[in-house]
Protein backbone atom coordinates (compact mmCIF):
# COMPACT_ATOMS: atom_id res chain seq x y z
CA MET A 1 28.75 19.81 -10.16
CA ASP A 2 24.88 19.53 -11.84
CA VAL A 3 23.57 23.30 -11.99
CA PHE A 4 20.09 22.09 -11.76
CA LYS A 5 20.83 20.11 -8.82
CA GLN A 6 21.77 23.22 -6.90
CA LEU A 7 18.48 24.85 -7.97
CA GLU A 8 16.43 21.49 -6.52
CA THR A 9 18.44 21.59 -3.34
CA PHE A 10 17.92 25.31 -2.68
CA VAL A 11 14.23 25.19 -3.22
CA SER A 12 13.96 21.91 -0.81
CA VAL A 13 16.42 23.76 1.62
CA VAL A 14 13.91 26.84 1.65
CA ASN A 15 10.39 24.75 1.31
CA LEU A 16 11.32 22.65 3.97
CA GLY A 17 13.26 25.06 6.22
CA SER A 18 16.21 23.15 7.35
CA LEU A 19 19.39 21.78 5.53
CA SER A 20 18.81 18.31 7.44
CA ALA A 21 14.89 18.02 6.74
CA ALA A 22 16.24 18.78 2.86
CA ALA A 23 19.14 15.95 3.26
CA ARG A 24 16.74 13.25 4.75
CA GLN A 25 14.73 13.87 1.73
CA GLU A 26 17.38 13.47 -0.37
CA GLN A 27 18.78 10.78 1.18
CA VAL A 28 22.00 12.32 1.77
CA VAL A 29 24.12 13.93 4.54
CA PRO A 30 23.60 17.54 5.20
CA ALA A 31 27.45 18.37 4.32
CA ILE A 32 26.30 17.91 0.98
CA ILE A 33 23.31 19.98 0.92
CA GLY A 34 25.56 22.82 2.53
CA ARG A 35 28.16 22.25 -0.25
CA ARG A 36 25.46 23.04 -2.88
CA LEU A 37 24.22 25.72 -1.37
CA ASP A 38 27.82 27.38 -0.75
CA ALA A 39 28.65 26.54 -4.71
CA LEU A 40 25.59 28.00 -5.47
CA GLU A 41 26.25 31.00 -3.69
CA HIS A 42 29.82 31.22 -5.01
CA ARG A 43 28.79 30.83 -8.58
CA LEU A 44 26.28 33.63 -8.52
CA GLY A 45 28.46 36.02 -6.15
CA ALA A 46 25.20 36.64 -3.68
CA LYS A 47 23.77 35.34 -0.45
CA LEU A 48 20.89 33.74 -0.76
CA LEU A 49 20.41 32.41 2.87
CA VAL A 50 21.03 33.22 6.54
CA ARG A 51 21.90 30.27 8.28
CA THR A 52 22.01 29.43 11.74
CA THR A 53 22.28 26.72 14.03
CA ARG A 54 18.59 26.73 14.63
CA SER A 55 17.10 28.18 11.61
CA ILE A 56 17.30 29.42 7.98
CA SER A 57 16.21 32.76 6.31
CA LEU A 58 15.81 33.89 2.57
CA THR A 59 18.02 37.38 2.19
CA GLN A 60 16.41 39.92 -0.53
CA GLU A 61 18.41 38.41 -3.10
CA GLY A 62 17.45 34.57 -2.20
CA SER A 63 13.58 35.67 -1.61
CA ALA A 64 13.76 36.70 -5.79
CA PHE A 65 16.23 34.01 -6.97
CA TYR A 66 13.79 31.36 -4.89
CA GLU A 67 10.82 32.60 -7.05
CA ASP A 68 12.85 32.43 -10.54
CA CYS A 69 13.96 28.84 -9.39
CA LEU A 70 10.48 27.62 -9.05
CA ARG A 71 9.57 28.82 -12.44
CA ILE A 72 13.06 27.83 -13.85
CA LEU A 73 12.60 23.89 -12.35
CA ALA A 74 8.63 24.05 -13.25
CA GLU A 75 9.52 24.86 -17.19
CA LEU A 76 12.43 22.42 -16.97
CA GLU A 77 9.98 19.60 -15.60
CA GLU A 78 7.69 20.76 -18.59
CA ALA A 79 9.86 20.70 -21.31
CA GLU A 80 10.59 16.72 -19.98
CA SER A 81 7.29 15.64 -19.91
CA ALA A 82 6.49 16.82 -23.30
CA ILE A 83 9.12 14.45 -24.87
CA ALA A 84 8.76 11.59 -22.14
CA SER A 85 4.99 11.66 -22.13
CA GLY A 86 4.39 9.53 -25.66
CA SER A 87 6.78 6.90 -24.41
CA GLY A 88 4.83 5.32 -22.09
CA ARG A 89 7.98 5.29 -19.68
CA ALA A 90 7.94 6.87 -16.17
CA ARG A 91 11.04 8.23 -14.53
CA GLY A 92 12.32 10.62 -11.77
CA GLN A 93 10.71 11.43 -8.59
CA LEU A 94 6.92 11.05 -8.02
CA ARG A 95 5.94 13.25 -5.06
CA VAL A 96 2.26 12.25 -4.16
CA SER A 97 0.52 13.77 -0.84
CA ALA A 98 -2.33 12.16 0.80
CA PRO A 99 -4.79 12.40 3.62
CA ALA A 100 -2.86 10.02 6.52
CA GLY A 101 -5.60 7.49 7.03
CA PHE A 102 -6.40 7.23 3.40
CA GLY A 103 -3.05 7.01 2.45
CA ARG A 104 -1.96 4.19 4.58
CA GLN A 105 -5.34 2.15 3.68
CA HIS A 106 -5.83 2.83 -0.17
CA VAL A 107 -2.34 4.36 -1.65
CA ALA A 108 0.93 3.30 0.13
CA PRO A 109 -0.56 -0.65 -0.37
CA HIS A 110 -1.09 0.01 -3.88
CA VAL A 111 3.16 1.68 -4.68
CA ALA A 112 4.90 -1.13 -4.97
CA SER A 113 2.87 -2.84 -7.77
CA PHE A 114 3.73 0.71 -9.33
CA LEU A 115 7.03 0.50 -9.02
CA ARG A 116 6.96 -2.99 -10.66
CA LYS A 117 6.02 -1.35 -13.56
CA HIS A 118 8.25 1.48 -13.46
CA PRO A 119 11.23 0.48 -11.96
CA ASP A 120 12.98 3.72 -13.19
CA LEU A 121 10.51 5.91 -10.55
CA ARG A 122 11.30 6.80 -7.10
CA VAL A 123 8.11 7.38 -5.15
CA ALA A 124 8.08 9.94 -2.14
CA LEU A 125 4.46 9.60 -0.30
CA ASP A 126 3.84 12.02 2.05
CA LEU A 127 1.22 11.00 4.44
CA SER A 128 -0.58 13.96 6.27
CA ASP A 129 -3.81 15.68 7.31
CA ARG A 130 -2.85 19.04 6.48
CA LEU A 131 -3.79 21.25 3.30
CA VAL A 132 -0.18 20.95 1.25
CA ASP A 133 0.31 23.72 -1.19
CA LEU A 134 1.30 22.10 -4.11
CA ALA A 135 3.69 24.50 -5.66
CA ARG A 136 5.16 25.48 -2.64
CA ASP A 137 5.69 21.86 -1.08
CA ARG A 138 6.46 20.72 -4.76
CA ILE A 139 3.78 18.02 -4.85
CA ASP A 140 3.12 16.19 -7.92
CA CYS A 141 -0.19 14.90 -6.98
CA ALA A 142 -2.25 15.09 -3.98
CA ILE A 143 -5.38 12.82 -3.17
CA ARG A 144 -8.16 15.02 -1.63
CA ILE A 145 -11.40 13.54 -0.66
CA SER A 146 -13.85 16.06 -0.37
CA ASP A 147 -16.03 18.78 -2.75
CA LEU A 148 -13.18 20.78 -4.40
CA ALA A 149 -13.69 24.50 -3.93
CA ASP A 150 -10.00 25.63 -5.74
CA SER A 151 -10.41 25.74 -9.36
CA SER A 152 -7.34 26.57 -9.70
CA LEU A 153 -6.23 22.80 -9.60
CA ILE A 154 -6.74 20.06 -12.16
CA ALA A 155 -8.95 17.51 -10.61
CA VAL A 156 -9.49 13.54 -11.87
CA ARG A 157 -12.02 11.65 -9.74
CA LEU A 158 -10.30 8.42 -8.40
CA ALA A 159 -13.72 6.75 -6.96
CA GLU A 160 -16.99 7.40 -5.36
CA ASN A 161 -17.18 8.11 -1.54
CA ARG A 162 -20.13 8.79 0.86
CA ARG A 163 -19.79 9.76 4.89
CA VAL A 164 -22.29 8.29 7.21
CA VAL A 165 -22.84 8.81 11.09
CA VAL A 166 -21.69 5.78 13.20
CA ALA A 167 -21.25 4.73 16.86
CA SER A 168 -21.01 1.69 18.74
CA PRO A 169 -23.86 -0.63 20.08
CA ALA A 170 -22.48 -0.19 23.26
CA TYR A 171 -22.91 3.66 23.04
CA LEU A 172 -26.13 3.44 21.65
CA ALA A 173 -27.56 1.11 24.33
CA ARG A 174 -25.95 3.67 27.01
CA ARG A 175 -27.43 7.12 24.90
CA GLY A 176 -30.24 5.99 22.43
CA THR A 177 -30.35 5.58 18.82
CA PRO A 178 -31.15 9.44 17.60
CA LYS A 179 -33.95 9.70 15.31
CA THR A 180 -33.56 12.82 13.75
CA LEU A 181 -30.70 15.60 13.54
CA ASP A 182 -32.46 17.61 16.12
CA ASP A 183 -31.21 14.96 18.18
CA LEU A 184 -27.44 15.21 17.96
CA ALA A 185 -27.90 17.83 20.35
CA GLN A 186 -28.32 15.56 23.12
CA HIS A 187 -25.35 13.12 21.98
CA ASP A 188 -21.59 13.25 22.35
CA CYS A 189 -20.11 14.11 18.69
CA LEU A 190 -16.71 13.10 18.01
CA SER A 191 -15.12 15.76 15.23
CA LEU A 192 -11.89 16.58 13.99
CA GLY A 193 -10.98 20.00 15.55
CA GLU A 194 -10.66 21.84 12.66
CA SER A 195 -14.35 20.62 11.45
CA GLN A 196 -15.82 22.37 14.24
CA SER A 197 -16.31 25.39 12.95
CA ARG A 198 -18.22 23.64 9.29
CA GLY A 199 -19.83 21.24 11.23
CA TRP A 200 -21.40 17.90 9.45
CA THR A 201 -23.28 18.32 6.40
CA PHE A 202 -26.15 15.94 5.70
CA LYS A 203 -29.10 16.22 2.36
CA VAL A 204 -32.93 17.33 3.88
CA GLY A 205 -35.38 17.46 1.31
CA GLY A 206 -33.29 17.44 -1.53
CA GLU A 207 -31.32 20.80 0.34
CA LEU A 208 -28.07 20.26 1.94
CA VAL A 209 -27.84 21.18 5.82
CA ASN A 210 -24.65 21.98 7.77
CA LEU A 211 -25.12 21.32 11.39
CA LYS A 212 -23.10 22.58 14.61
CA VAL A 213 -22.26 19.48 16.35
CA ARG A 214 -20.62 20.01 19.84
CA GLY A 215 -18.98 17.08 22.37
CA ALA A 216 -16.71 16.46 24.83
CA LEU A 217 -14.01 15.33 22.60
CA GLU A 218 -12.31 15.97 19.29
CA CYS A 219 -9.14 15.41 17.58
CA ASN A 220 -7.11 16.43 14.65
CA ASP A 221 -6.56 12.46 13.66
CA GLY A 222 -9.40 10.80 11.98
CA ALA A 223 -8.13 7.64 13.32
CA VAL A 224 -8.36 8.49 16.58
CA LEU A 225 -11.92 9.62 16.20
CA HIS A 226 -12.46 6.36 14.80
CA ASP A 227 -11.05 4.33 17.66
CA TRP A 228 -12.97 6.62 20.49
CA ALA A 229 -16.27 5.33 18.56
CA LEU A 230 -15.25 1.63 18.85
CA GLN A 231 -14.89 2.52 22.29
CA GLY A 232 -17.89 3.95 22.70
CA LEU A 233 -17.57 7.05 23.54
CA GLY A 234 -19.90 8.87 20.91
CA LEU A 235 -20.94 9.83 17.30
CA THR A 236 -18.97 10.61 14.67
CA TRP A 237 -19.23 11.21 10.83
CA ARG A 238 -16.52 9.03 8.76
CA SER A 239 -15.94 7.93 5.24
CA MET A 240 -17.30 4.43 4.51
CA TRP A 241 -13.70 3.82 3.02
CA GLU A 242 -12.87 4.14 6.90
CA VAL A 243 -15.63 2.16 8.62
CA LYS A 244 -17.03 -0.12 6.31
CA ASP A 245 -15.33 -3.42 7.81
CA ASP A 246 -16.56 -2.46 11.41
CA ILE A 247 -20.23 -1.58 10.14
CA GLY A 248 -19.81 -5.31 8.42
CA GLU A 249 -18.53 -6.90 11.48
CA GLY A 250 -20.97 -5.11 14.05
CA ARG A 251 -18.50 -2.90 15.67
CA LEU A 252 -20.10 0.19 14.33
CA VAL A 253 -23.56 1.04 13.48
CA THR A 254 -24.96 3.18 11.11
CA VAL A 255 -27.59 6.29 12.32
CA LEU A 256 -29.67 8.74 10.27
CA ASP A 257 -29.24 6.79 7.27
CA LYS A 258 -32.26 8.69 5.62
CA TYR A 259 -30.08 11.98 5.98
CA SER A 260 -28.06 11.20 3.21
CA SER A 261 -24.99 12.96 3.35
CA PRO A 262 -23.36 14.17 0.31
CA ASP A 263 -20.86 12.50 -1.81
CA TYR A 264 -17.20 13.38 -1.02
CA PRO A 265 -15.47 12.02 -4.06
CA VAL A 266 -11.84 10.88 -4.08
CA TYR A 267 -9.83 13.19 -6.42
CA ALA A 268 -6.24 13.07 -7.27
CA VAL A 269 -5.77 16.79 -7.99
CA MET A 270 -2.68 18.92 -9.64
CA ALA A 271 -1.34 22.57 -10.42
CA GLN A 272 -2.18 23.44 -13.31
CA ARG A 273 0.06 23.19 -15.75
CA ARG A 274 1.12 23.07 -20.15
CA TYR A 275 2.30 19.44 -19.95
CA LEU A 276 1.51 16.57 -17.06
CA PRO A 277 4.33 14.65 -16.26
CA GLY A 278 4.04 11.14 -17.76
CA ARG A 279 4.33 9.55 -14.34
CA VAL A 280 1.74 11.48 -12.86
CA ARG A 281 -0.71 10.72 -15.19
CA LEU A 282 0.58 6.92 -15.27
CA PHE A 283 0.29 7.02 -11.25
CA ILE A 284 -3.18 8.33 -11.88
CA GLU A 285 -3.94 5.66 -14.53
CA HIS A 286 -2.65 2.83 -11.91
CA LEU A 287 -5.30 4.08 -9.13
CA LYS A 288 -7.99 4.26 -11.04
CA GLU A 289 -7.65 0.74 -12.17
CA VAL A 290 -7.07 -0.69 -9.10
CA TYR A 291 -9.95 1.50 -7.29
CA ALA A 292 -12.46 0.24 -10.55
CA ALA A 293 -11.62 -3.64 -9.83
CA PRO A 294 -14.73 -5.56 -8.75
CA GLY A 295 -15.14 -5.57 -5.19
CA TYR A 296 -12.50 -3.70 -3.98
CA TRP A 297 -14.52 -1.10 -1.96
CA ASP A 298 -17.30 -3.78 -0.81
């Protein structure tokens, strides 16, 4: 049995929290995952995991071995990347994470054309608004839309992005149009639940102002906020890539445009490493080419 496959399976089970989840990711039956773990523990002569029907947990030996496995697999990947990067070929599995809404609209539709160029690749796309841990979740590349604060990551800017405050014509007819930032206190503001503490950011006289907003509704899913705004339930602060079509068709209207929001560019971020795997470099180049096409964002 492939020793490195055993290590990869062990790490996958720990990261995903169950044999069944690891089996789904690898598209095999859970029994195969169990046999790999059994073979690994037998070969090492040590118990790595405590497995019950409901959960798994690392033993003391398993915890130390897990850290070693992460290092070994990372070094193997870097060694392979050093050889393959000059060949122009992409192979193996590419793990990409992206925010759910952006990923559905601007990442997933371009995977097929990427695979046509690199048929030896497999792509695993994780669409979630949670902030993934690239090392723990073994993500090769994550798409993020923000002002990046984590300097430990390698970041490549893929596209520009602007945020605007929008509402439906029906809402503005019913509640009036805010003219100043102070007017937001009299309005229903629809916000991501986790962003309530951060508020909305505006540029006033060259300075950034972070404004706490309030409303009767909040949700941790941006698509829901978008739908609520279309239903006339309040104002929301969204990226142009999400609402541009609705603005163009008159379903949503921008307000407070004179308080231009700072840019929140679209980045591809990767963990620091000596060699950037060829599959990651080629995927980033593919997205940059797509996003740079004339009229793509119009």
